Amino acid sequence: MQKTAGAGAAAVTLDLHGKTQYQARVTIDAALRRSRGLYRIHIIHGYHNGTALRDMIRSEYADNPAVLRIDLVSESATDLVLREL
C-alpha cells in the first residue's frame, strides 16, 4: 500500500496483481476500514490475465456505503472515491 498526501487529503494506491478475489476483497476492506482522512483509493488490478478482479471491484464496491463513486481510470485501474476534495 502506497500513501500519497497533498493539501491535507490523502490517497492510497493498492496493487492487487497476483491476488485472488478473496485476497483482493480483504485488502480493499482493510483499506476502507483505515480510510479516515482518505479521499481516494486507487486500485491497480490489471487485466491481461482476465477481468475477474476488475469486474468484482466495480460491481461489489459500487453499492458500498463508504464509497461515494467509482472512477474507471483505465482497463487496469479503478478508483474508489470516498469523498470530494
Protein backbone atom coordinates (compact mmCIF):
# COMPACT_ATOMS: atom_id res chain seq x y z
CA MET A 1 0.00 0.00 0.00
CA GLN A 2 1.35 3.38 -1.02
CA LYS A 3 0.04 6.56 0.57
CA THR A 4 0.31 9.99 -1.00
CA ALA A 5 -0.72 13.21 0.67
CA GLY A 6 -1.41 16.67 -0.60
CA ALA A 7 -3.31 19.70 0.67
CA GLY A 8 -4.41 17.90 3.83
CA ALA A 9 -6.00 14.98 1.98
CA ALA A 10 -4.56 11.61 1.12
CA ALA A 11 -4.93 8.88 -1.42
CA VAL A 12 -3.86 5.25 -1.16
CA THR A 13 -2.70 3.01 -4.00
CA LEU A 14 -3.33 -0.73 -3.78
CA ASP A 15 -1.63 -3.10 -6.22
CA LEU A 16 -3.67 -6.30 -6.41
CA HIS A 17 -1.64 -8.11 -9.08
CA GLY A 18 -1.43 -11.81 -8.31
CA LYS A 19 -4.20 -11.78 -5.69
CA THR A 20 -7.32 -13.91 -5.74
CA GLN A 21 -10.73 -12.28 -5.47
CA TYR A 22 -10.86 -13.20 -1.79
CA GLN A 23 -7.40 -11.69 -1.10
CA ALA A 24 -8.32 -8.56 -3.06
CA ARG A 25 -11.57 -8.17 -1.08
CA VAL A 26 -9.69 -8.50 2.23
CA THR A 27 -7.11 -5.90 1.11
CA ILE A 28 -9.74 -3.41 -0.08
CA ASP A 29 -11.92 -3.89 3.01
CA ALA A 30 -8.91 -3.26 5.26
CA ALA A 31 -8.10 -0.07 3.34
CA LEU A 32 -11.72 1.07 3.69
CA ARG A 33 -11.63 0.43 7.45
CA ARG A 34 -8.48 2.56 7.72
CA SER A 35 -9.76 5.21 5.31
CA ARG A 36 -10.13 8.03 7.81
CA GLY A 37 -8.82 11.14 6.11
CA LEU A 38 -8.58 9.50 2.69
CA TYR A 39 -10.40 10.85 -0.31
CA ARG A 40 -9.48 8.17 -2.83
CA ILE A 41 -8.27 4.56 -3.05
CA HIS A 42 -6.50 3.92 -6.36
CA ILE A 43 -6.64 0.20 -7.17
CA ILE A 44 -4.37 -1.38 -9.75
CA HIS A 45 -5.90 -4.73 -10.69
CA GLY A 46 -4.53 -5.38 -14.17
CA TYR A 47 -6.48 -7.05 -16.95
CA HIS A 48 -4.06 -9.05 -19.08
CA ASN A 49 -4.77 -12.24 -17.11
CA GLY A 50 -8.52 -11.71 -17.11
CA THR A 51 -11.06 -9.26 -15.78
CA ALA A 52 -12.31 -11.08 -12.69
CA LEU A 53 -10.74 -8.63 -10.20
CA ARG A 54 -11.81 -5.57 -12.19
CA ASP A 55 -15.38 -6.82 -12.51
CA MET A 56 -15.58 -7.80 -8.82
CA ILE A 57 -14.31 -4.39 -7.66
CA ARG A 58 -16.58 -2.42 -9.95
CA SER A 59 -19.69 -4.40 -9.06
CA GLU A 60 -19.24 -5.09 -5.33
CA TYR A 61 -17.94 -1.70 -4.23
CA ALA A 62 -20.39 0.39 -6.28
CA ASP A 63 -23.01 -0.11 -3.53
CA ASN A 64 -20.63 0.17 -0.57
CA PRO A 65 -21.79 2.96 1.76
CA ALA A 66 -18.19 4.13 2.30
CA VAL A 67 -17.70 4.68 -1.44
CA LEU A 68 -19.09 7.89 -2.93
CA ARG A 69 -18.45 6.81 -6.52
CA ILE A 70 -16.23 4.65 -8.69
CA ASP A 71 -13.97 6.22 -11.31
CA LEU A 72 -13.00 3.93 -14.17
CA VAL A 73 -9.41 5.09 -14.64
CA SER A 74 -8.42 2.51 -17.28
CA GLU A 75 -8.82 -1.15 -18.13
CA SER A 76 -6.25 -1.97 -15.46
CA ALA A 77 -7.10 0.52 -12.69
CA THR A 78 -10.15 1.68 -10.76
CA ASP A 79 -10.51 4.46 -8.19
CA LEU A 80 -12.85 4.29 -5.22
CA VAL A 81 -13.72 7.90 -4.40
CA LEU A 82 -14.59 8.19 -0.72
CA ARG A 83 -15.21 11.94 -0.59
CA GLU A 84 -14.83 15.04 -2.71
CA LEU A 85 -11.93 17.40 -2.17
